[in-house]
């Protein structure tokens, strides 16, 4: 990977969910300690902030140019031109669940989004993973066994789904049917070590490698589908999620956080909480758009 540059200097509490909008040449991301979604236009250099009234979990793009947003316990459809928000799904959480968290549009055109349990010391493995479709259905694909659902990404052929638990410390691989969204044959491919860091957001490249943000170790772990560590890349902050973009999909964008790490880490990495970018030797797998 090439030299890492700071794209947008900030001190976001939990910078998260970077999304590349190729049609509009812009990057979207959220601060998950707030209700904010940010956009940065590479043509005009304009930075905009939009508010959603609840803590953001994640976001994606739709085929009709809108956004799908997980905020609090709701999944919204947002039109950035008219500013209109529509509630697509309202999830009724069991006791002990805090909010929706990491989400991404899958090759099946559905929005896959997980929940997260309330913080320590009461956090328990009771969170879920949902598949959201345009008809307002929320199918619970994984019920329980998760503390903080995270790390969603799909292989270039769409036939493998990666999923992690950033507080459970594991990464799983599933067989995935791009036509129906069915998942099967769950396999635990990696139990993370302190050197790996907690497995946060993920992305894949066209070589089939899974990029996992290890925010507690200030690095990215490039992982083969069988769980083998291909490469560990140190970064200047607590990386939360990668996103490939740019005209050739060889620019790696990533978000960072200042919350959930020590004051010593924030002092050691003064740009923590900023948005970064770097050139990658391999192109990323394009993320699908929600079938609205």
Protein backbone atom coordinates (compact mmCIF):
# COMPACT_ATOMS: atom_id res chain seq x y z
CA UNK A 1 0.00 0.00 0.00
CA UNK A 2 1.19 3.50 -0.81
CA UNK A 3 1.71 6.48 1.46
CA UNK A 4 -1.20 7.17 3.79
CA UNK A 5 -2.63 10.69 3.54
CA UNK A 6 -5.11 12.49 5.75
CA UNK A 7 -8.10 13.32 3.55
CA UNK A 8 -10.21 15.05 6.18
CA UNK A 9 -8.77 16.17 9.50
CA UNK A 10 -11.18 15.70 12.40
CA UNK A 11 -11.56 14.04 15.77
CA UNK A 12 -14.68 11.99 15.22
CA UNK A 13 -15.70 9.89 18.19
CA UNK A 14 -16.37 6.86 15.98
CA UNK A 15 -15.73 7.59 12.33
CA UNK A 16 -17.41 4.73 10.48
CA UNK A 17 -19.10 3.29 7.40
CA UNK A 18 -17.16 4.93 4.54
CA UNK A 19 -19.05 4.46 1.26
CA UNK A 20 -17.73 5.35 -2.19
CA UNK A 21 -20.29 6.96 -4.52
CA UNK A 22 -18.73 6.48 -7.97
CA UNK A 23 -21.59 8.20 -9.82
CA UNK A 24 -21.08 11.43 -7.88
CA UNK A 25 -17.34 11.16 -7.21
CA UNK A 26 -17.79 11.53 -3.48
CA UNK A 27 -17.13 9.73 -0.22
CA UNK A 28 -19.73 9.30 2.50
CA UNK A 29 -19.07 8.36 6.11
CA UNK A 30 -20.65 8.68 9.55
CA UNK A 31 -19.72 9.58 13.10
CA UNK A 32 -21.45 6.89 15.12
CA UNK A 33 -21.28 8.87 18.37
CA UNK A 34 -23.64 11.34 16.68
CA UNK A 35 -26.55 11.39 14.22
CA UNK A 36 -24.29 12.73 11.45
CA UNK A 37 -23.53 11.49 7.96
CA UNK A 38 -20.80 13.39 6.11
CA UNK A 39 -20.08 13.71 2.38
CA UNK A 40 -16.95 14.94 0.65
CA UNK A 41 -17.18 15.82 -3.05
CA UNK A 42 -13.85 15.31 -4.85
CA UNK A 43 -14.86 17.65 -7.69
CA UNK A 44 -16.01 20.67 -5.72
CA UNK A 45 -14.15 19.80 -2.46
CA UNK A 46 -17.42 20.49 -0.66
CA UNK A 47 -18.02 18.91 2.73
CA UNK A 48 -21.62 18.51 3.91
CA UNK A 49 -23.19 17.15 7.07
CA UNK A 50 -26.71 15.75 7.39
CA UNK A 51 -28.46 14.83 10.64
CA UNK A 52 -30.73 11.87 11.23
CA UNK A 53 -32.00 12.25 14.79
CA UNK A 54 -30.55 9.00 16.15
CA UNK A 55 -27.11 7.43 16.49
CA UNK A 56 -25.91 6.23 13.10
CA UNK A 57 -24.93 2.61 12.67
CA UNK A 58 -24.12 2.37 8.95
CA UNK A 59 -25.25 3.34 5.47
CA UNK A 60 -25.28 2.33 1.82
CA UNK A 61 -26.39 3.57 -1.60
CA UNK A 62 -29.51 2.58 -3.50
CA UNK A 63 -29.99 1.95 -7.20
CA UNK A 64 -32.23 5.02 -7.48
CA UNK A 65 -29.63 7.42 -6.08
CA UNK A 66 -30.87 7.43 -2.50
CA UNK A 67 -29.21 6.30 0.72
CA UNK A 68 -30.16 3.49 3.07
CA UNK A 69 -29.28 4.40 6.65
CA UNK A 70 -29.29 2.46 9.91
CA UNK A 71 -30.05 4.94 12.70
CA UNK A 72 -30.90 3.82 16.21
CA UNK A 73 -33.33 0.93 15.77
CA UNK A 74 -34.60 2.09 12.36
CA UNK A 75 -33.54 1.60 8.75
CA UNK A 76 -34.33 4.69 6.70
CA UNK A 77 -34.42 5.56 3.01
CA UNK A 78 -33.04 9.08 2.49
CA UNK A 79 -33.17 11.18 -0.67
CA UNK A 80 -30.14 13.53 -0.63
CA UNK A 81 -31.76 15.78 -3.27
CA UNK A 82 -35.07 16.39 -1.47
CA UNK A 83 -33.85 15.62 2.10
CA UNK A 84 -36.88 13.32 2.49
CA UNK A 85 -36.57 10.48 5.02
CA UNK A 86 -38.78 7.40 5.05
CA UNK A 87 -38.74 4.66 7.68
CA UNK A 88 -38.35 1.33 5.89
CA UNK A 89 -37.95 -0.90 8.96
CA UNK A 90 -38.32 -0.34 12.68
CA UNK A 91 -36.65 -3.10 14.67
CA UNK A 92 -37.98 -4.06 18.09
CA UNK A 93 -34.91 -4.90 20.13
CA UNK A 94 -34.88 -7.32 23.05
CA UNK A 95 -33.50 -6.01 26.37
CA UNK A 96 -29.75 -5.54 26.28
CA UNK A 97 -29.47 -4.37 22.65
CA UNK A 98 -28.27 -0.80 22.15
CA UNK A 99 -28.67 -0.01 18.44
CA UNK A 100 -28.07 -1.12 14.87
CA UNK A 101 -24.40 -1.18 13.91
CA UNK A 102 -22.30 -2.18 10.90
CA UNK A 103 -24.24 -2.68 7.67
CA UNK A 104 -23.61 -3.04 3.95
CA UNK A 105 -25.56 -3.77 0.78
CA UNK A 106 -24.94 -7.33 -0.39
CA UNK A 107 -24.72 -8.78 -3.91
CA UNK A 108 -28.39 -9.78 -3.51
CA UNK A 109 -29.43 -6.10 -3.39
CA UNK A 110 -30.48 -6.35 0.26
CA UNK A 111 -29.12 -4.29 3.14
CA UNK A 112 -27.40 -6.51 5.68
CA UNK A 113 -27.11 -4.89 9.09
CA UNK A 114 -26.28 -6.16 12.55
CA UNK A 115 -27.07 -4.96 16.04
CA UNK A 116 -24.83 -4.41 19.03
CA UNK A 117 -25.32 -5.17 22.70
CA UNK A 118 -25.12 -2.48 25.36
CA UNK A 119 -21.54 -1.62 26.41
CA UNK A 120 -19.51 -3.35 29.07
CA UNK A 121 -19.85 -4.45 31.81
CA UNK A 122 -23.32 -5.64 30.74
CA UNK A 123 -22.51 -6.58 27.13
CA UNK A 124 -23.63 -10.10 26.27
CA UNK A 125 -23.59 -12.13 23.01
CA UNK A 126 -27.25 -11.45 22.18
CA UNK A 127 -26.97 -9.30 19.03
CA UNK A 128 -28.29 -10.33 15.60
CA UNK A 129 -27.73 -9.92 11.87
CA UNK A 130 -30.64 -8.87 9.66
CA UNK A 131 -31.36 -8.89 5.94
CA UNK A 132 -33.46 -5.85 4.95
CA UNK A 133 -35.37 -5.75 1.66
CA UNK A 134 -37.26 -2.99 -0.15
CA UNK A 135 -40.65 -4.43 0.86
CA UNK A 136 -39.86 -3.62 4.49
CA UNK A 137 -38.95 -7.13 5.59
CA UNK A 138 -36.27 -7.65 8.20
CA UNK A 139 -35.25 -11.30 8.25
CA UNK A 140 -33.12 -12.25 11.25
CA UNK A 141 -30.42 -14.32 9.55
CA UNK A 142 -28.26 -14.80 12.66
CA UNK A 143 -30.09 -14.70 15.98
CA UNK A 144 -27.77 -14.17 18.93
CA UNK A 145 -24.25 -15.30 19.65
CA UNK A 146 -22.88 -11.84 18.72
CA UNK A 147 -21.77 -8.95 20.93
CA UNK A 148 -21.09 -6.30 18.26
CA UNK A 149 -21.97 -7.33 14.71
CA UNK A 150 -19.35 -6.02 12.30
CA UNK A 151 -17.07 -6.61 9.33
CA UNK A 152 -19.57 -7.37 6.55
CA UNK A 153 -18.03 -7.82 3.10
CA UNK A 154 -18.44 -10.13 0.09
CA UNK A 155 -16.02 -11.88 -2.23
CA UNK A 156 -15.66 -10.58 -5.81
CA UNK A 157 -17.94 -13.37 -7.15
CA UNK A 158 -20.52 -12.67 -4.44
CA UNK A 159 -20.50 -16.25 -3.23
CA UNK A 160 -18.76 -15.71 0.11
CA UNK A 161 -19.80 -13.42 2.96
CA UNK A 162 -17.43 -12.34 5.72
CA UNK A 163 -18.76 -11.27 9.11
CA UNK A 164 -17.06 -10.43 12.40
CA UNK A 165 -17.78 -9.69 16.03
CA UNK A 166 -15.51 -6.84 17.08
CA UNK A 167 -16.00 -7.59 20.79
CA UNK A 168 -16.18 -11.36 20.42
CA UNK A 169 -12.89 -11.26 18.52
CA UNK A 170 -13.72 -13.56 15.62
CA UNK A 171 -14.24 -13.55 11.84
CA UNK A 172 -16.59 -16.00 10.14
CA UNK A 173 -17.01 -16.99 6.50
CA UNK A 174 -20.35 -18.04 5.00
CA UNK A 175 -21.38 -19.48 1.66
CA UNK A 176 -23.64 -16.88 0.04
CA UNK A 177 -26.24 -17.11 -2.73
CA UNK A 178 -26.27 -13.77 -4.62
CA UNK A 179 -29.68 -14.56 -6.12
CA UNK A 180 -31.59 -15.30 -2.91
CA UNK A 181 -29.39 -14.00 -0.11
CA UNK A 182 -29.32 -17.43 1.51
CA UNK A 183 -26.33 -18.11 3.78
CA UNK A 184 -24.96 -21.52 4.76
CA UNK A 185 -21.89 -23.44 5.95
CA UNK A 186 -20.67 -21.01 8.58
CA UNK A 187 -16.95 -21.38 9.31
CA UNK A 188 -14.86 -19.59 11.94
CA UNK A 189 -11.73 -18.57 10.04
CA UNK A 190 -9.91 -16.43 12.58
CA UNK A 191 -9.81 -15.79 16.30
CA UNK A 192 -8.09 -12.46 16.63
CA UNK A 193 -4.97 -11.87 18.71
CA UNK A 194 -3.82 -8.66 20.44
CA UNK A 195 -1.49 -8.12 17.46
CA UNK A 196 -4.47 -8.28 15.09
CA UNK A 197 -6.56 -5.91 17.16
CA UNK A 198 -10.32 -6.12 17.52
CA UNK A 199 -11.85 -7.04 14.12
CA UNK A 200 -13.92 -4.02 13.10
CA UNK A 201 -15.19 -3.09 9.61
CA UNK A 202 -14.16 -4.99 6.50
CA UNK A 203 -13.84 -4.88 2.72
CA UNK A 204 -12.55 -7.22 0.02
CA UNK A 205 -10.26 -6.75 -2.96
CA UNK A 206 -10.40 -8.37 -6.39
CA UNK A 207 -7.82 -10.94 -5.30
CA UNK A 208 -10.39 -12.22 -2.81
CA UNK A 209 -8.49 -10.95 0.21
CA UNK A 210 -10.49 -9.68 3.17
CA UNK A 211 -9.30 -6.41 4.75
CA UNK A 212 -10.16 -6.24 8.44
CA UNK A 213 -9.68 -3.05 10.47
CA UNK A 214 -7.94 -3.85 13.75
CA UNK A 215 -8.75 -0.66 15.61
CA UNK A 216 -7.16 -1.64 18.94
CA UNK A 217 -3.86 -2.41 17.16
CA UNK A 218 -3.90 0.54 14.70
CA UNK A 219 -3.64 -1.68 11.65
CA UNK A 220 -5.34 -3.49 8.80
CA UNK A 221 -5.13 -7.24 8.55
CA UNK A 222 -5.33 -8.66 5.03
CA UNK A 223 -6.71 -12.13 5.45
CA UNK A 224 -7.06 -14.99 2.96
CA UNK A 225 -10.46 -16.74 2.75
CA UNK A 226 -9.11 -19.56 4.91
CA UNK A 227 -8.14 -17.11 7.66
CA UNK A 228 -4.41 -16.99 6.94
CA UNK A 229 -2.84 -13.58 7.58
CA UNK A 230 -1.49 -12.30 4.26
CA UNK A 231 -0.25 -8.93 5.45
CA UNK A 232 -0.53 -6.59 8.42
CA UNK A 233 -0.48 -2.88 7.54
CA UNK A 234 0.13 -0.32 10.32
CA UNK A 235 -1.90 2.90 10.06
CA UNK A 236 -1.73 6.25 11.90
CA UNK A 237 -4.85 5.78 14.00
CA UNK A 238 -7.50 3.42 15.31
CA UNK A 239 -8.91 2.24 11.97
CA UNK A 240 -12.58 1.28 12.04
CA UNK A 241 -13.54 0.43 8.44
CA UNK A 242 -11.97 0.36 4.96
CA UNK A 243 -13.61 1.28 1.68
CA UNK A 244 -12.18 1.01 -1.83
CA UNK A 245 -12.96 3.77 -4.32
CA UNK A 246 -11.62 6.18 -6.91
CA UNK A 247 -11.88 5.83 -10.70
CA UNK A 248 -9.91 2.57 -10.70
CA UNK A 249 -11.09 1.32 -7.26
CA UNK A 250 -7.46 1.36 -6.10
CA UNK A 251 -7.84 4.09 -3.48
CA UNK A 252 -8.34 2.75 0.02
CA UNK A 253 -10.29 5.12 2.25
CA UNK A 254 -10.65 4.44 5.95
CA UNK A 255 -12.22 5.95 9.02
CA UNK A 256 -10.78 6.13 12.54
CA UNK A 257 -12.05 6.75 16.06
CA UNK A 258 -11.04 8.57 19.24
CA UNK A 259 -13.56 6.85 21.52
CA UNK A 260 -12.93 3.35 22.92
CA UNK A 261 -9.16 3.83 22.95
CA UNK A 262 -6.91 5.23 25.66
CA UNK A 263 -5.78 8.84 26.00
CA UNK A 264 -2.26 7.55 25.37
CA UNK A 265 -3.28 6.19 21.96
CA UNK A 266 -4.95 9.47 21.02
CA UNK A 267 -1.81 11.33 22.04
CA UNK A 268 0.42 8.96 20.08
CA UNK A 269 -1.80 9.33 17.00
CA UNK A 270 -2.80 13.03 16.91
CA UNK A 271 -4.81 12.58 13.69
CA UNK A 272 -6.95 9.88 15.24
CA UNK A 273 -10.62 10.44 14.37
CA UNK A 274 -9.73 11.68 10.85
CA UNK A 275 -10.46 10.20 7.42
CA UNK A 276 -7.49 8.75 5.54
CA UNK A 277 -6.68 7.52 2.05
CA UNK A 278 -3.89 5.56 0.36
CA UNK A 279 -3.19 3.87 -2.97
CA UNK A 280 -3.63 0.12 -3.03
CA UNK A 281 -1.75 -2.29 -5.28
CA UNK A 282 -4.96 -4.21 -5.92
CA UNK A 283 -8.42 -2.89 -6.78
CA UNK A 284 -11.29 -3.31 -4.37
CA UNK A 285 -14.52 -5.18 -4.87
CA UNK A 286 -17.32 -2.70 -5.72
CA UNK A 287 -20.08 -2.62 -3.10
CA UNK A 288 -23.57 -3.33 -4.43
CA UNK A 289 -26.52 -0.92 -4.32
CA UNK A 290 -29.79 -1.52 -2.52
CA UNK A 291 -32.57 -2.75 -4.80
CA UNK A 292 -35.16 -0.04 -4.15
